[in-house]
Amino acid sequence: VNLFLNLRRKTARHPAVSLDAPLDTGEGEV
C-alpha cells in the first residue's frame, strides 16, 4: 500500500495516457 501510494503521488505529477480512453480518429472518437 505504501509503495502504491507513493507511485500514485509520482504519477499525479506526471500523468500517463490511458489506453482505456476513447481513440480520436480525426472524424470523432471511437
Full PDB file with SEQRES, HELIX, SHEET, SSBOND, CRYST1, ORIGX, SCALE, CONECT and MASTER records, all heavy atoms in Angstrom:
SEQRES   1 A   30  VAL ASN LEU PHE LEU ASN LEU ARG ARG LYS THR ALA ARG          
SEQRES   2 A   30  HIS PRO ALA VAL SER LEU ASP ALA PRO LEU ASP THR GLY          
SEQRES   3 A   30  GLU GLY GLU VAL                                              
HELIX    1 AA1 ASN A    2  ARG A   13  1                                  12    
CRYST1    1.000    1.000    1.000  90.00  90.00  90.00 P 1           1          
ORIGX1      1.000000  0.000000  0.000000        0.00000                         
ORIGX2      0.000000  1.000000  0.000000        0.00000                         
ORIGX3      0.000000  0.000000  1.000000        0.00000                         
SCALE1      1.000000  0.000000  0.000000        0.00000                         
SCALE2      0.000000  1.000000  0.000000        0.00000                         
SCALE3      0.000000  0.000000  1.000000        0.00000                         
ATOM      1  N   VAL A   1       0.836  -1.204   0.000  1.00  0.00           N  
ATOM      2  CA  VAL A   1       0.000   0.000   0.000  1.00  0.00           C  
ATOM      3  C   VAL A   1       0.873   1.257   0.000  1.00  0.00           C  
ATOM      4  O   VAL A   1       0.611   2.200  -0.747  1.00  0.00           O  
ATOM      5  CB  VAL A   1      -0.976  -0.009   1.194  1.00  0.00           C  
ATOM      6  CG1 VAL A   1      -1.678   1.332   1.331  1.00  0.00           C  
ATOM      7  CG2 VAL A   1      -2.004  -1.123   1.020  1.00  0.00           C  
ATOM      8  N   ASN A   2       1.929   1.274   0.805  1.00  0.00           N  
ATOM      9  CA  ASN A   2       2.803   2.449   0.845  1.00  0.00           C  
ATOM     10  C   ASN A   2       3.480   2.701  -0.498  1.00  0.00           C  
ATOM     11  O   ASN A   2       3.546   3.842  -0.966  1.00  0.00           O  
ATOM     12  CB  ASN A   2       3.849   2.311   1.954  1.00  0.00           C  
ATOM     13  CG  ASN A   2       3.254   2.485   3.329  1.00  0.00           C  
ATOM     14  OD1 ASN A   2       2.200   3.095   3.499  1.00  0.00           O  
ATOM     15  ND2 ASN A   2       3.919   1.942   4.329  1.00  0.00           N  
ATOM     16  N   LEU A   3       3.963   1.641  -1.137  1.00  0.00           N  
ATOM     17  CA  LEU A   3       4.572   1.802  -2.464  1.00  0.00           C  
ATOM     18  C   LEU A   3       3.542   2.293  -3.482  1.00  0.00           C  
ATOM     19  O   LEU A   3       3.837   3.148  -4.317  1.00  0.00           O  
ATOM     20  CB  LEU A   3       5.194   0.489  -2.933  1.00  0.00           C  
ATOM     21  CG  LEU A   3       6.522   0.112  -2.294  1.00  0.00           C  
ATOM     22  CD1 LEU A   3       6.930  -1.306  -2.698  1.00  0.00           C  
ATOM     23  CD2 LEU A   3       7.611   1.094  -2.680  1.00  0.00           C  
ATOM     24  N   PHE A   4       2.323   1.743  -3.410  1.00  0.00           N  
ATOM     25  CA  PHE A   4       1.257   2.177  -4.316  1.00  0.00           C  
ATOM     26  C   PHE A   4       0.950   3.663  -4.114  1.00  0.00           C  
ATOM     27  O   PHE A   4       0.837   4.417  -5.086  1.00  0.00           O  
ATOM     28  CB  PHE A   4      -0.002   1.336  -4.109  1.00  0.00           C  
ATOM     29  CG  PHE A   4      -1.212   1.930  -4.773  1.00  0.00           C  
ATOM     30  CD1 PHE A   4      -1.353   1.854  -6.151  1.00  0.00           C  
ATOM     31  CD2 PHE A   4      -2.180   2.575  -4.037  1.00  0.00           C  
ATOM     32  CE1 PHE A   4      -2.456   2.423  -6.775  1.00  0.00           C  
ATOM     33  CE2 PHE A   4      -3.288   3.139  -4.649  1.00  0.00           C  
ATOM     34  CZ  PHE A   4      -3.427   3.057  -6.021  1.00  0.00           C  
ATOM     35  N   LEU A   5       0.810   4.087  -2.860  1.00  0.00           N  
ATOM     36  CA  LEU A   5       0.506   5.497  -2.577  1.00  0.00           C  
ATOM     37  C   LEU A   5       1.627   6.399  -3.097  1.00  0.00           C  
ATOM     38  O   LEU A   5       1.353   7.453  -3.686  1.00  0.00           O  
ATOM     39  CB  LEU A   5       0.288   5.710  -1.078  1.00  0.00           C  
ATOM     40  CG  LEU A   5      -0.951   5.042  -0.485  1.00  0.00           C  
ATOM     41  CD1 LEU A   5      -0.975   5.203   1.023  1.00  0.00           C  
ATOM     42  CD2 LEU A   5      -2.227   5.581  -1.107  1.00  0.00           C  
ATOM     43  N   ASN A   6       2.867   5.991  -2.902  1.00  0.00           N  
ATOM     44  CA  ASN A   6       3.999   6.771  -3.423  1.00  0.00           C  
ATOM     45  C   ASN A   6       3.974   6.833  -4.946  1.00  0.00           C  
ATOM     46  O   ASN A   6       4.238   7.889  -5.535  1.00  0.00           O  
ATOM     47  CB  ASN A   6       5.328   6.192  -2.939  1.00  0.00           C  
ATOM     48  CG  ASN A   6       5.537   6.388  -1.459  1.00  0.00           C  
ATOM     49  OD1 ASN A   6       4.936   7.260  -0.832  1.00  0.00           O  
ATOM     50  ND2 ASN A   6       6.383   5.559  -0.872  1.00  0.00           N  
ATOM     51  N   LEU A   7       3.656   5.718  -5.578  1.00  0.00           N  
ATOM     52  CA  LEU A   7       3.565   5.667  -7.039  1.00  0.00           C  
ATOM     53  C   LEU A   7       2.477   6.609  -7.540  1.00  0.00           C  
ATOM     54  O   LEU A   7       2.681   7.344  -8.503  1.00  0.00           O  
ATOM     55  CB  LEU A   7       3.286   4.230  -7.498  1.00  0.00           C  
ATOM     56  CG  LEU A   7       3.029   4.035  -8.983  1.00  0.00           C  
ATOM     57  CD1 LEU A   7       4.316   4.276  -9.778  1.00  0.00           C  
ATOM     58  CD2 LEU A   7       2.512   2.638  -9.250  1.00  0.00           C  
ATOM     59  N   ARG A   8       1.322   6.581  -6.886  1.00  0.00           N  
ATOM     60  CA  ARG A   8       0.221   7.464  -7.296  1.00  0.00           C  
ATOM     61  C   ARG A   8       0.594   8.933  -7.144  1.00  0.00           C  
ATOM     62  O   ARG A   8       0.237   9.758  -7.974  1.00  0.00           O  
ATOM     63  CB  ARG A   8      -1.035   7.167  -6.479  1.00  0.00           C  
ATOM     64  CG  ARG A   8      -1.801   5.927  -6.875  1.00  0.00           C  
ATOM     65  CD  ARG A   8      -2.540   6.089  -8.209  1.00  0.00           C  
ATOM     66  NE  ARG A   8      -3.500   7.154  -8.187  1.00  0.00           N  
ATOM     67  CZ  ARG A   8      -4.787   7.020  -7.899  1.00  0.00           C  
ATOM     68  NH1 ARG A   8      -5.278   5.839  -7.621  1.00  0.00           N  
ATOM     69  NH2 ARG A   8      -5.593   8.057  -7.901  1.00  0.00           N  
ATOM     70  N   ARG A   9       1.327   9.258  -6.087  1.00  0.00           N  
ATOM     71  CA  ARG A   9       1.761  10.656  -5.904  1.00  0.00           C  
ATOM     72  C   ARG A   9       2.696  11.083  -7.032  1.00  0.00           C  
ATOM     73  O   ARG A   9       2.602  12.199  -7.535  1.00  0.00           O  
ATOM     74  CB  ARG A   9       2.434  10.818  -4.542  1.00  0.00           C  
ATOM     75  CG  ARG A   9       1.452  10.794  -3.399  1.00  0.00           C  
ATOM     76  CD  ARG A   9       2.134  11.036  -2.053  1.00  0.00           C  
ATOM     77  NE  ARG A   9       1.221  10.679  -0.986  1.00  0.00           N  
ATOM     78  CZ  ARG A   9       1.352   9.628  -0.195  1.00  0.00           C  
ATOM     79  NH1 ARG A   9       2.395   8.833  -0.295  1.00  0.00           N  
ATOM     80  NH2 ARG A   9       0.457   9.368   0.729  1.00  0.00           N  
ATOM     81  N   LYS A  10       3.588  10.174  -7.420  1.00  0.00           N  
ATOM     82  CA  LYS A  10       4.518  10.492  -8.511  1.00  0.00           C  
ATOM     83  C   LYS A  10       3.773  10.653  -9.831  1.00  0.00           C  
ATOM     84  O   LYS A  10       4.051  11.560 -10.606  1.00  0.00           O  
ATOM     85  CB  LYS A  10       5.573   9.396  -8.651  1.00  0.00           C  
ATOM     86  CG  LYS A  10       6.625   9.427  -7.588  1.00  0.00           C  
ATOM     87  CD  LYS A  10       7.622   8.299  -7.798  1.00  0.00           C  
ATOM     88  CE  LYS A  10       8.567   8.192  -6.627  1.00  0.00           C  
ATOM     89  NZ  LYS A  10       9.451   7.018  -6.740  1.00  0.00           N  
ATOM     90  N   THR A  11       2.840   9.739 -10.121  1.00  0.00           N  
ATOM     91  CA  THR A  11       2.128   9.799 -11.393  1.00  0.00           C  
ATOM     92  C   THR A  11       1.153  10.964 -11.445  1.00  0.00           C  
ATOM     93  O   THR A  11       0.808  11.419 -12.530  1.00  0.00           O  
ATOM     94  CB  THR A  11       1.378   8.485 -11.700  1.00  0.00           C  
ATOM     95  OG1 THR A  11       0.487   8.181 -10.647  1.00  0.00           O  
ATOM     96  CG2 THR A  11       2.342   7.345 -11.924  1.00  0.00           C  
ATOM     97  N   ALA A  12       0.730  11.471 -10.284  1.00  0.00           N  
ATOM     98  CA  ALA A  12      -0.139  12.651 -10.271  1.00  0.00           C  
ATOM     99  C   ALA A  12       0.633  13.860 -10.798  1.00  0.00           C  
ATOM    100  O   ALA A  12       0.061  14.744 -11.437  1.00  0.00           O  
ATOM    101  CB  ALA A  12      -0.658  12.915  -8.866  1.00  0.00           C  
ATOM    102  N   ARG A  13       1.935  13.870 -10.530  1.00  0.00           N  
ATOM    103  CA  ARG A  13       2.771  14.973 -11.028  1.00  0.00           C  
ATOM    104  C   ARG A  13       3.101  14.789 -12.507  1.00  0.00           C  
ATOM    105  O   ARG A  13       3.355  15.755 -13.219  1.00  0.00           O  
ATOM    106  CB  ARG A  13       4.057  15.059 -10.208  1.00  0.00           C  
ATOM    107  CG  ARG A  13       3.820  15.545  -8.791  1.00  0.00           C  
ATOM    108  CD  ARG A  13       5.124  15.811  -8.079  1.00  0.00           C  
ATOM    109  NE  ARG A  13       5.932  14.611  -7.895  1.00  0.00           N  
ATOM    110  CZ  ARG A  13       5.980  13.895  -6.776  1.00  0.00           C  
ATOM    111  NH1 ARG A  13       5.254  14.252  -5.736  1.00  0.00           N  
ATOM    112  NH2 ARG A  13       6.751  12.829  -6.693  1.00  0.00           N  
ATOM    113  N   HIS A  14       3.111  13.543 -12.979  1.00  0.00           N  
ATOM    114  CA  HIS A  14       3.431  13.233 -14.373  1.00  0.00           C  
ATOM    115  C   HIS A  14       2.397  12.241 -14.906  1.00  0.00           C  
ATOM    116  O   HIS A  14       2.654  11.048 -14.986  1.00  0.00           O  
ATOM    117  CB  HIS A  14       4.830  12.610 -14.480  1.00  0.00           C  
ATOM    118  CG  HIS A  14       5.895  13.425 -13.840  1.00  0.00           C  
ATOM    119  ND1 HIS A  14       6.382  14.558 -14.407  1.00  0.00           N  
ATOM    120  CD2 HIS A  14       6.543  13.279 -12.659  1.00  0.00           C  
ATOM    121  CE1 HIS A  14       7.308  15.084 -13.624  1.00  0.00           C  
ATOM    122  NE2 HIS A  14       7.417  14.331 -12.548  1.00  0.00           N  
ATOM    123  N   PRO A  15       1.191  12.728 -15.256  1.00  0.00           N  
ATOM    124  CA  PRO A  15       0.111  11.815 -15.655  1.00  0.00           C  
ATOM    125  C   PRO A  15       0.435  11.031 -16.927  1.00  0.00           C  
ATOM    126  O   PRO A  15       1.100  11.513 -17.831  1.00  0.00           O  
ATOM    127  CB  PRO A  15      -1.092  12.738 -15.874  1.00  0.00           C  
ATOM    128  CG  PRO A  15      -0.543  14.107 -15.978  1.00  0.00           C  
ATOM    129  CD  PRO A  15       0.809  14.122 -15.339  1.00  0.00           C  
ATOM    130  N   ALA A  16      -0.069   9.792 -16.955  1.00  0.00           N  
ATOM    131  CA  ALA A  16       0.098   8.916 -18.118  1.00  0.00           C  
ATOM    132  C   ALA A  16      -1.165   8.949 -18.959  1.00  0.00           C  
ATOM    133  O   ALA A  16      -2.231   9.332 -18.498  1.00  0.00           O  
ATOM    134  CB  ALA A  16       0.365   7.493 -17.655  1.00  0.00           C  
ATOM    135  N   VAL A  17      -1.055   8.531 -20.199  1.00  0.00           N  
ATOM    136  CA  VAL A  17      -2.203   8.454 -21.094  1.00  0.00           C  
ATOM    137  C   VAL A  17      -2.838   7.086 -20.923  1.00  0.00           C  
ATOM    138  O   VAL A  17      -2.163   6.062 -20.975  1.00  0.00           O  
ATOM    139  CB  VAL A  17      -1.754   8.667 -22.554  1.00  0.00           C  
ATOM    140  CG1 VAL A  17      -2.922   8.511 -23.504  1.00  0.00           C  
ATOM    141  CG2 VAL A  17      -1.111  10.029 -22.712  1.00  0.00           C  
ATOM    142  N   SER A  18      -4.167   7.059 -20.723  1.00  0.00           N  
ATOM    143  CA  SER A  18      -4.878   5.807 -20.508  1.00  0.00           C  
ATOM    144  C   SER A  18      -5.168   5.103 -21.832  1.00  0.00           C  
ATOM    145  O   SER A  18      -5.624   5.729 -22.791  1.00  0.00           O  
ATOM    146  CB  SER A  18      -6.197   6.067 -19.790  1.00  0.00           C  
ATOM    147  OG  SER A  18      -6.972   4.896 -19.759  1.00  0.00           O  
ATOM    148  N   LEU A  19      -4.917   3.797 -21.859  1.00  0.00           N  
ATOM    149  CA  LEU A  19      -5.260   3.014 -23.040  1.00  0.00           C  
ATOM    150  C   LEU A  19      -6.755   2.734 -23.108  1.00  0.00           C  
ATOM    151  O   LEU A  19      -7.260   2.307 -24.144  1.00  0.00           O  
ATOM    152  CB  LEU A  19      -4.476   1.695 -23.042  1.00  0.00           C  
ATOM    153  CG  LEU A  19      -2.968   1.838 -23.157  1.00  0.00           C  
ATOM    154  CD1 LEU A  19      -2.305   0.466 -23.066  1.00  0.00           C  
ATOM    155  CD2 LEU A  19      -2.583   2.524 -24.455  1.00  0.00           C  
ATOM    156  N   ASP A  20      -7.482   2.956 -21.995  1.00  0.00           N  
ATOM    157  CA  ASP A  20      -8.926   2.756 -21.976  1.00  0.00           C  
ATOM    158  C   ASP A  20      -9.677   3.977 -22.499  1.00  0.00           C  
ATOM    159  O   ASP A  20     -10.878   3.911 -22.742  1.00  0.00           O  
ATOM    160  CB  ASP A  20      -9.404   2.450 -20.554  1.00  0.00           C  
ATOM    161  CG  ASP A  20      -8.905   1.106 -20.061  1.00  0.00           C  
ATOM    162  OD1 ASP A  20      -8.770   0.195 -20.892  1.00  0.00           O  
ATOM    163  OD2 ASP A  20      -8.644   0.985 -18.855  1.00  0.00           O  
ATOM    164  N   ALA A  21      -8.983   5.082 -22.662  1.00  0.00           N  
ATOM    165  CA  ALA A  21      -9.621   6.304 -23.139  1.00  0.00           C  
ATOM    166  C   ALA A  21     -10.032   6.128 -24.599  1.00  0.00           C  
ATOM    167  O   ALA A  21      -9.395   5.387 -25.359  1.00  0.00           O  
ATOM    168  CB  ALA A  21      -8.665   7.478 -22.998  1.00  0.00           C  
ATOM    169  N   PRO A  22     -11.100   6.811 -25.015  1.00  0.00           N  
ATOM    170  CA  PRO A  22     -11.525   6.717 -26.414  1.00  0.00           C  
ATOM    171  C   PRO A  22     -10.411   7.188 -27.357  1.00  0.00           C  
ATOM    172  O   PRO A  22      -9.622   8.062 -27.019  1.00  0.00           O  
ATOM    173  CB  PRO A  22     -12.721   7.658 -26.495  1.00  0.00           C  
ATOM    174  CG  PRO A  22     -13.162   7.862 -25.093  1.00  0.00           C  
ATOM    175  CD  PRO A  22     -11.957   7.670 -24.226  1.00  0.00           C  
ATOM    176  N   LEU A  23     -10.382   6.594 -28.535  1.00  0.00           N  
ATOM    177  CA  LEU A  23      -9.399   6.971 -29.543  1.00  0.00           C  
ATOM    178  C   LEU A  23      -9.956   8.081 -30.413  1.00  0.00           C  
ATOM    179  O   LEU A  23     -11.093   8.007 -30.867  1.00  0.00           O  
ATOM    180  CB  LEU A  23      -9.060   5.764 -30.426  1.00  0.00           C  
ATOM    181  CG  LEU A  23      -8.446   4.561 -29.743  1.00  0.00           C  
ATOM    182  CD1 LEU A  23      -8.386   3.386 -30.709  1.00  0.00           C  
ATOM    183  CD2 LEU A  23      -7.070   4.905 -29.231  1.00  0.00           C  
ATOM    184  N   ASP A  24      -9.162   9.107 -30.666  1.00  0.00           N  
ATOM    185  CA  ASP A  24      -9.572  10.191 -31.542  1.00  0.00           C  
ATOM    186  C   ASP A  24      -9.110   9.852 -32.947  1.00  0.00           C  
ATOM    187  O   ASP A  24      -7.907   9.744 -33.214  1.00  0.00           O  
ATOM    188  CB  ASP A  24      -8.972  11.514 -31.068  1.00  0.00           C  
ATOM    189  CG  ASP A  24      -9.485  12.699 -31.865  1.00  0.00           C  
ATOM    190  OD1 ASP A  24     -10.435  12.514 -32.672  1.00  0.00           O  
ATOM    191  OD2 ASP A  24      -8.946  13.806 -31.688  1.00  0.00           O  
ATOM    192  N   THR A  25     -10.066   9.659 -33.857  1.00  0.00           N  
ATOM    193  CA  THR A  25      -9.735   9.254 -35.223  1.00  0.00           C  
ATOM    194  C   THR A  25      -9.613  10.437 -36.171  1.00  0.00           C  
ATOM    195  O   THR A  25      -9.322  10.256 -37.344  1.00  0.00           O  
ATOM    196  CB  THR A  25     -10.806   8.299 -35.775  1.00  0.00           C  
ATOM    197  OG1 THR A  25     -12.045   9.004 -35.850  1.00  0.00           O  
ATOM    198  CG2 THR A  25     -10.929   7.060 -34.934  1.00  0.00           C  
ATOM    199  N   GLY A  26      -9.855  11.637 -35.680  1.00  0.00           N  
ATOM    200  CA  GLY A  26      -9.860  12.803 -36.548  1.00  0.00           C  
ATOM    201  C   GLY A  26     -11.271  13.104 -37.021  1.00  0.00           C  
ATOM    202  O   GLY A  26     -11.618  14.240 -37.299  1.00  0.00           O  
ATOM    203  N   GLU A  27     -12.099  12.074 -37.109  1.00  0.00           N  
ATOM    204  CA  GLU A  27     -13.502  12.236 -37.504  1.00  0.00           C  
ATOM    205  C   GLU A  27     -14.425  12.040 -36.310  1.00  0.00           C  
ATOM    206  O   GLU A  27     -15.633  12.000 -36.454  1.00  0.00           O  
ATOM    207  CB  GLU A  27     -13.853  11.230 -38.594  1.00  0.00           C  
ATOM    208  CG  GLU A  27     -13.061  11.413 -39.867  1.00  0.00           C  
ATOM    209  CD  GLU A  27     -13.346  10.319 -40.872  1.00  0.00           C  
ATOM    210  OE1 GLU A  27     -14.220   9.470 -40.631  1.00  0.00           O  
ATOM    211  OE2 GLU A  27     -12.677  10.315 -41.911  1.00  0.00           O  
ATOM    212  N   GLY A  28     -13.850  11.872 -35.131  1.00  0.00           N  
ATOM    213  CA  GLY A  28     -14.621  11.636 -33.914  1.00  0.00           C  
ATOM    214  C   GLY A  28     -13.904  10.638 -33.032  1.00  0.00           C  
ATOM    215  O   GLY A  28     -12.790  10.204 -33.341  1.00  0.00           O  
ATOM    216  N   GLU A  29     -14.553  10.282 -31.943  1.00  0.00           N  
ATOM    217  CA  GLU A  29     -13.953   9.337 -31.010  1.00  0.00           C  
ATOM    218  C   GLU A  29     -14.526   7.946 -31.213  1.00  0.00           C  
ATOM    219  O   GLU A  29     -15.701   7.789 -31.527  1.00  0.00           O  
ATOM    220  CB  GLU A  29     -14.201   9.782 -29.570  1.00  0.00           C  
ATOM    221  CG  GLU A  29     -13.427  11.016 -29.187  1.00  0.00           C  
ATOM    222  CD  GLU A  29     -13.596  11.370 -27.727  1.00  0.00           C  
ATOM    223  OE1 GLU A  29     -14.544  10.871 -27.087  1.00  0.00           O  
ATOM    224  OE2 GLU A  29     -12.783  12.156 -27.225  1.00  0.00           O  
ATOM    225  N   VAL A  30     -13.670   6.943 -31.019  1.00  0.00           N  
ATOM    226  CA  VAL A  30     -14.072   5.547 -31.141  1.00  0.00           C  
ATOM    227  C   VAL A  30     -13.709   4.849 -29.833  1.00  0.00           C  
ATOM    228  O   VAL A  30     -12.610   5.006 -29.322  1.00  0.00           O  
ATOM    229  CB  VAL A  30     -13.334   4.853 -32.318  1.00  0.00           C  
ATOM    230  CG1 VAL A  30     -13.691   3.390 -32.405  1.00  0.00           C  
ATOM    231  CG2 VAL A  30     -13.615   5.573 -33.614  1.00  0.00           C  
TER     232      VAL A  30                                                      
MASTER        0    0    0    1    0    0    0    6  231    1    0    3          
END                                                                             
